[in-house]
N, C-alpha and C. Protein backbone atom coordinates (compact mmCIF):
# COMPACT_ATOMS: atom_id res chain seq x y z
N MET A 1 -178.55 25.17 57.23
CA MET A 1 -179.16 24.88 55.95
C MET A 1 -178.38 23.75 55.28
N SER A 2 -179.09 22.83 54.66
CA SER A 2 -178.47 21.68 54.02
C SER A 2 -177.70 22.10 52.77
N ASP A 3 -176.60 21.41 52.52
CA ASP A 3 -175.84 21.69 51.31
C ASP A 3 -176.30 20.80 50.16
N LYS A 4 -177.32 20.00 50.40
CA LYS A 4 -177.85 19.12 49.35
C LYS A 4 -179.19 19.66 48.86
N PRO A 5 -179.51 19.45 47.59
CA PRO A 5 -180.82 19.88 47.09
C PRO A 5 -181.95 19.17 47.85
N ILE A 6 -183.00 19.89 48.15
CA ILE A 6 -184.17 19.31 48.78
C ILE A 6 -185.23 19.18 47.69
N PRO A 7 -185.48 17.96 47.23
CA PRO A 7 -186.41 17.79 46.12
C PRO A 7 -187.86 18.07 46.53
N ILE A 8 -188.63 18.56 45.60
CA ILE A 8 -190.07 18.73 45.80
C ILE A 8 -190.69 17.35 45.70
N ASP A 9 -191.49 16.98 46.68
CA ASP A 9 -192.12 15.66 46.69
C ASP A 9 -193.24 15.63 45.65
N LEU A 10 -193.02 14.89 44.59
CA LEU A 10 -194.00 14.80 43.51
C LEU A 10 -194.91 13.58 43.62
N ARG A 11 -194.67 12.74 44.60
CA ARG A 11 -195.49 11.52 44.74
C ARG A 11 -196.98 11.82 44.81
N PRO A 12 -197.42 12.86 45.51
CA PRO A 12 -198.86 13.13 45.55
C PRO A 12 -199.44 13.55 44.18
N HIS A 13 -198.55 13.87 43.25
CA HIS A 13 -198.99 14.36 41.94
C HIS A 13 -198.72 13.37 40.81
N ALA A 14 -198.46 12.13 41.16
CA ALA A 14 -198.09 11.11 40.16
C ALA A 14 -199.14 10.98 39.06
N ALA A 15 -200.41 10.99 39.42
CA ALA A 15 -201.46 10.84 38.41
C ALA A 15 -201.49 12.05 37.48
N LEU A 16 -201.25 13.23 38.02
CA LEU A 16 -201.23 14.46 37.21
C LEU A 16 -200.06 14.44 36.23
N ILE A 17 -198.91 13.99 36.69
CA ILE A 17 -197.72 13.94 35.85
C ILE A 17 -197.86 12.87 34.77
N GLY A 18 -198.50 11.75 35.13
CA GLY A 18 -198.71 10.68 34.16
C GLY A 18 -197.40 10.22 33.56
N ASN A 19 -197.37 10.15 32.25
CA ASN A 19 -196.15 9.72 31.56
C ASN A 19 -195.36 10.91 31.02
N GLY A 20 -195.59 12.10 31.60
CA GLY A 20 -194.83 13.29 31.21
C GLY A 20 -193.35 13.12 31.55
N ARG A 21 -192.53 13.92 30.89
CA ARG A 21 -191.08 13.85 31.11
C ARG A 21 -190.57 15.21 31.58
N GLU A 22 -189.72 15.16 32.57
CA GLU A 22 -189.13 16.37 33.13
C GLU A 22 -188.23 17.04 32.09
N PHE A 23 -188.28 18.37 32.04
CA PHE A 23 -187.41 19.10 31.11
C PHE A 23 -186.68 20.27 31.76
N LEU A 24 -187.00 20.59 33.02
CA LEU A 24 -186.38 21.75 33.66
C LEU A 24 -186.28 21.53 35.16
N ARG A 25 -185.10 21.84 35.71
CA ARG A 25 -184.89 21.91 37.15
C ARG A 25 -184.18 23.23 37.42
N MET A 26 -184.58 23.90 38.51
CA MET A 26 -183.98 25.20 38.84
C MET A 26 -183.73 25.28 40.34
N TRP A 27 -182.62 25.93 40.68
CA TRP A 27 -182.28 26.20 42.08
C TRP A 27 -181.94 27.67 42.20
N ALA A 28 -182.36 28.28 43.31
CA ALA A 28 -182.04 29.68 43.59
C ALA A 28 -181.24 29.76 44.87
N GLN A 29 -180.22 30.61 44.86
CA GLN A 29 -179.44 30.89 46.06
C GLN A 29 -179.89 32.24 46.61
N GLN A 30 -179.94 32.34 47.94
CA GLN A 30 -180.33 33.60 48.58
C GLN A 30 -179.45 34.73 48.06
N ASP A 31 -180.03 35.73 47.44
CA ASP A 31 -179.30 36.87 46.89
C ASP A 31 -178.19 36.45 45.94
N GLY A 32 -178.37 35.33 45.28
CA GLY A 32 -177.33 34.83 44.39
C GLY A 32 -177.91 34.32 43.09
N PRO A 33 -177.12 33.55 42.38
CA PRO A 33 -177.55 33.10 41.06
C PRO A 33 -178.61 32.01 41.10
N VAL A 34 -179.25 31.85 39.98
CA VAL A 34 -180.18 30.75 39.75
C VAL A 34 -179.47 29.77 38.83
N THR A 35 -179.55 28.49 39.17
CA THR A 35 -178.94 27.45 38.36
C THR A 35 -180.04 26.64 37.71
N CYS A 36 -179.93 26.44 36.40
CA CYS A 36 -180.94 25.72 35.63
C CYS A 36 -180.31 24.55 34.90
N PHE A 37 -181.04 23.45 34.87
CA PHE A 37 -180.68 22.30 34.04
C PHE A 37 -181.86 22.07 33.12
N ILE A 38 -181.60 22.12 31.81
CA ILE A 38 -182.66 22.05 30.81
C ILE A 38 -182.40 20.90 29.85
N ASN A 39 -183.43 20.09 29.64
CA ASN A 39 -183.38 19.04 28.62
C ASN A 39 -184.46 19.36 27.60
N PRO A 40 -184.10 19.88 26.43
CA PRO A 40 -185.11 20.29 25.46
C PRO A 40 -185.84 19.15 24.76
N ILE A 41 -185.31 17.94 24.83
CA ILE A 41 -185.90 16.83 24.08
C ILE A 41 -187.38 16.61 24.42
N PRO A 42 -187.79 16.56 25.70
CA PRO A 42 -189.21 16.34 25.99
C PRO A 42 -190.14 17.46 25.49
N VAL A 43 -189.60 18.66 25.32
CA VAL A 43 -190.43 19.79 24.90
C VAL A 43 -190.68 19.77 23.40
N GLY A 44 -189.70 19.32 22.64
CA GLY A 44 -189.86 19.24 21.19
C GLY A 44 -188.82 20.08 20.47
N PRO A 45 -188.81 19.99 19.15
CA PRO A 45 -187.75 20.64 18.38
C PRO A 45 -187.85 22.16 18.26
N ASP A 46 -189.03 22.73 18.47
CA ASP A 46 -189.21 24.17 18.33
C ASP A 46 -189.02 24.86 19.67
N PRO A 47 -188.03 25.73 19.83
CA PRO A 47 -187.82 26.42 21.09
C PRO A 47 -189.02 27.24 21.56
N ALA A 48 -189.92 27.60 20.65
CA ALA A 48 -191.12 28.34 21.05
C ALA A 48 -191.95 27.54 22.04
N ALA A 49 -191.91 26.22 21.94
CA ALA A 49 -192.66 25.37 22.88
C ALA A 49 -192.14 25.56 24.30
N PHE A 50 -190.84 25.81 24.44
CA PHE A 50 -190.27 26.08 25.76
C PHE A 50 -190.84 27.39 26.30
N GLY A 51 -190.97 28.39 25.44
CA GLY A 51 -191.57 29.67 25.85
C GLY A 51 -193.00 29.49 26.33
N VAL A 52 -193.76 28.68 25.61
CA VAL A 52 -195.15 28.40 26.01
C VAL A 52 -195.17 27.74 27.39
N ALA A 53 -194.27 26.78 27.60
CA ALA A 53 -194.20 26.08 28.88
C ALA A 53 -193.83 27.05 30.01
N LEU A 54 -192.91 27.97 29.75
CA LEU A 54 -192.51 28.93 30.77
C LEU A 54 -193.65 29.87 31.13
N VAL A 55 -194.40 30.34 30.15
CA VAL A 55 -195.53 31.22 30.45
C VAL A 55 -196.59 30.46 31.25
N ASP A 56 -196.81 29.20 30.92
CA ASP A 56 -197.73 28.38 31.70
C ASP A 56 -197.23 28.28 33.14
N ALA A 57 -195.93 28.05 33.31
CA ALA A 57 -195.35 27.97 34.65
C ALA A 57 -195.49 29.29 35.40
N ILE A 58 -195.33 30.40 34.71
CA ILE A 58 -195.46 31.72 35.33
C ILE A 58 -196.88 31.92 35.86
N ARG A 59 -197.85 31.51 35.09
CA ARG A 59 -199.25 31.66 35.55
C ARG A 59 -199.52 30.78 36.77
N HIS A 60 -198.96 29.57 36.76
CA HIS A 60 -199.09 28.70 37.94
C HIS A 60 -198.36 29.31 39.14
N ALA A 61 -197.20 29.93 38.89
CA ALA A 61 -196.43 30.55 39.97
C ALA A 61 -197.22 31.68 40.62
N ALA A 62 -197.89 32.48 39.83
CA ALA A 62 -198.68 33.59 40.39
C ALA A 62 -199.76 33.04 41.32
N LYS A 63 -200.40 31.96 40.93
CA LYS A 63 -201.42 31.34 41.79
C LYS A 63 -200.78 30.82 43.08
N THR A 64 -199.59 30.26 42.96
CA THR A 64 -198.90 29.73 44.13
C THR A 64 -198.50 30.85 45.08
N TRP A 65 -197.99 31.96 44.55
CA TRP A 65 -197.63 33.11 45.39
C TRP A 65 -198.86 33.63 46.12
N THR A 66 -200.00 33.63 45.44
CA THR A 66 -201.24 34.08 46.07
C THR A 66 -201.56 33.23 47.29
N LYS A 67 -201.46 31.91 47.12
CA LYS A 67 -201.74 31.01 48.24
C LYS A 67 -200.71 31.15 49.36
N ALA A 68 -199.46 31.36 48.99
CA ALA A 68 -198.37 31.39 49.98
C ALA A 68 -198.28 32.72 50.72
N THR A 69 -198.61 33.83 50.06
CA THR A 69 -198.38 35.14 50.66
C THR A 69 -199.63 35.98 50.88
N GLY A 70 -200.71 35.64 50.18
CA GLY A 70 -201.93 36.41 50.33
C GLY A 70 -202.06 37.59 49.39
N ILE A 71 -201.00 37.89 48.61
CA ILE A 71 -201.16 38.97 47.62
C ILE A 71 -202.08 38.47 46.52
N SER A 72 -202.65 39.38 45.78
CA SER A 72 -203.58 38.96 44.72
C SER A 72 -202.81 38.28 43.58
N GLU A 73 -203.51 37.46 42.86
CA GLU A 73 -202.89 36.80 41.70
C GLU A 73 -202.42 37.82 40.68
N ALA A 74 -203.20 38.88 40.48
CA ALA A 74 -202.81 39.93 39.53
C ALA A 74 -201.53 40.62 39.99
N GLN A 75 -201.41 40.89 41.30
CA GLN A 75 -200.18 41.51 41.81
C GLN A 75 -198.98 40.58 41.63
N ALA A 76 -199.18 39.32 41.94
CA ALA A 76 -198.08 38.36 41.79
C ALA A 76 -197.66 38.26 40.34
N LEU A 77 -198.62 38.15 39.44
CA LEU A 77 -198.31 38.03 38.02
C LEU A 77 -197.60 39.29 37.52
N ASP A 78 -198.06 40.46 37.96
CA ASP A 78 -197.43 41.71 37.55
C ASP A 78 -195.96 41.76 38.01
N ARG A 79 -195.70 41.35 39.25
CA ARG A 79 -194.32 41.37 39.75
C ARG A 79 -193.44 40.36 39.01
N ILE A 80 -194.00 39.20 38.69
CA ILE A 80 -193.23 38.21 37.92
C ILE A 80 -192.87 38.78 36.56
N TRP A 81 -193.84 39.40 35.88
CA TRP A 81 -193.54 39.99 34.57
C TRP A 81 -192.51 41.10 34.70
N GLN A 82 -192.58 41.89 35.77
CA GLN A 82 -191.58 42.94 36.00
C GLN A 82 -190.19 42.34 36.12
N GLY A 83 -190.09 41.25 36.85
CA GLY A 83 -188.79 40.58 36.99
C GLY A 83 -188.29 40.03 35.66
N LEU A 84 -189.20 39.46 34.88
CA LEU A 84 -188.80 38.95 33.56
C LEU A 84 -188.32 40.08 32.65
N ASP A 85 -189.08 41.16 32.64
CA ASP A 85 -188.70 42.30 31.80
C ASP A 85 -187.35 42.87 32.21
N ALA A 86 -187.12 42.97 33.52
CA ALA A 86 -185.84 43.49 34.01
C ALA A 86 -184.69 42.57 33.61
N GLU A 87 -184.90 41.27 33.73
CA GLU A 87 -183.83 40.31 33.38
C GLU A 87 -183.58 40.31 31.87
N ARG A 88 -184.64 40.43 31.08
CA ARG A 88 -184.46 40.48 29.63
C ARG A 88 -183.71 41.74 29.22
N ALA A 89 -184.00 42.86 29.87
CA ALA A 89 -183.36 44.13 29.52
C ALA A 89 -181.90 44.16 29.94
N ARG A 90 -181.60 43.49 31.05
CA ARG A 90 -180.23 43.53 31.57
C ARG A 90 -179.92 42.20 32.26
N PRO A 91 -179.51 41.20 31.50
CA PRO A 91 -179.25 39.87 32.07
C PRO A 91 -178.19 39.93 33.17
N THR A 92 -178.45 39.17 34.22
CA THR A 92 -177.50 39.13 35.34
C THR A 92 -176.50 38.00 35.20
N ASP A 93 -176.73 37.11 34.25
CA ASP A 93 -175.76 36.04 33.98
C ASP A 93 -175.95 35.58 32.54
N PHE A 94 -175.15 34.65 32.14
CA PHE A 94 -175.21 34.17 30.77
C PHE A 94 -175.31 32.65 30.77
N VAL A 95 -176.01 32.14 29.79
CA VAL A 95 -176.21 30.70 29.65
C VAL A 95 -174.89 30.05 29.25
N SER A 96 -174.67 28.85 29.75
CA SER A 96 -173.48 28.09 29.34
C SER A 96 -173.50 27.97 27.82
N PRO A 97 -172.36 28.16 27.18
CA PRO A 97 -172.34 28.16 25.72
C PRO A 97 -172.52 26.78 25.10
N THR A 98 -172.22 25.71 25.83
CA THR A 98 -172.33 24.38 25.23
C THR A 98 -173.01 23.43 26.18
N PRO A 99 -173.84 22.53 25.65
CA PRO A 99 -174.48 21.52 26.49
C PRO A 99 -173.45 20.54 27.03
N ASP A 100 -173.80 19.87 28.13
CA ASP A 100 -172.92 18.84 28.67
C ASP A 100 -173.05 17.56 27.85
N LYS A 101 -172.41 16.48 28.29
CA LYS A 101 -172.39 15.24 27.53
C LYS A 101 -173.78 14.64 27.33
N ASP A 102 -174.77 15.02 28.19
CA ASP A 102 -176.14 14.51 28.05
C ASP A 102 -177.02 15.45 27.25
N GLY A 103 -176.44 16.53 26.73
CA GLY A 103 -177.22 17.50 25.97
C GLY A 103 -177.92 18.52 26.84
N LEU A 104 -177.60 18.55 28.13
CA LEU A 104 -178.25 19.49 29.03
C LEU A 104 -177.44 20.78 29.12
N ILE A 105 -178.14 21.88 29.26
CA ILE A 105 -177.49 23.18 29.43
C ILE A 105 -177.75 23.63 30.85
């Protein structure tokens, strides 16, 4: 396995992305932590907008799991919500307390 990040090829989606700006990158380690880099500036000043974006991403994720695994979209969405609820009830890690020099957490 490569020790370098393998980027998702977004070139086929250039028209869909348009002039949008990236605000989140995430990496998962097998049975390990998830690493996130967040730039809140493109999302806007209200953190609630980030919540809206995450729920939108969750719904897209359920559709993707359906295509990738064959489980129903409802089953995928239910499992995602279960994971969110479990993490909210008992966090497995903590967010860095201060942003880096670029304002990213």
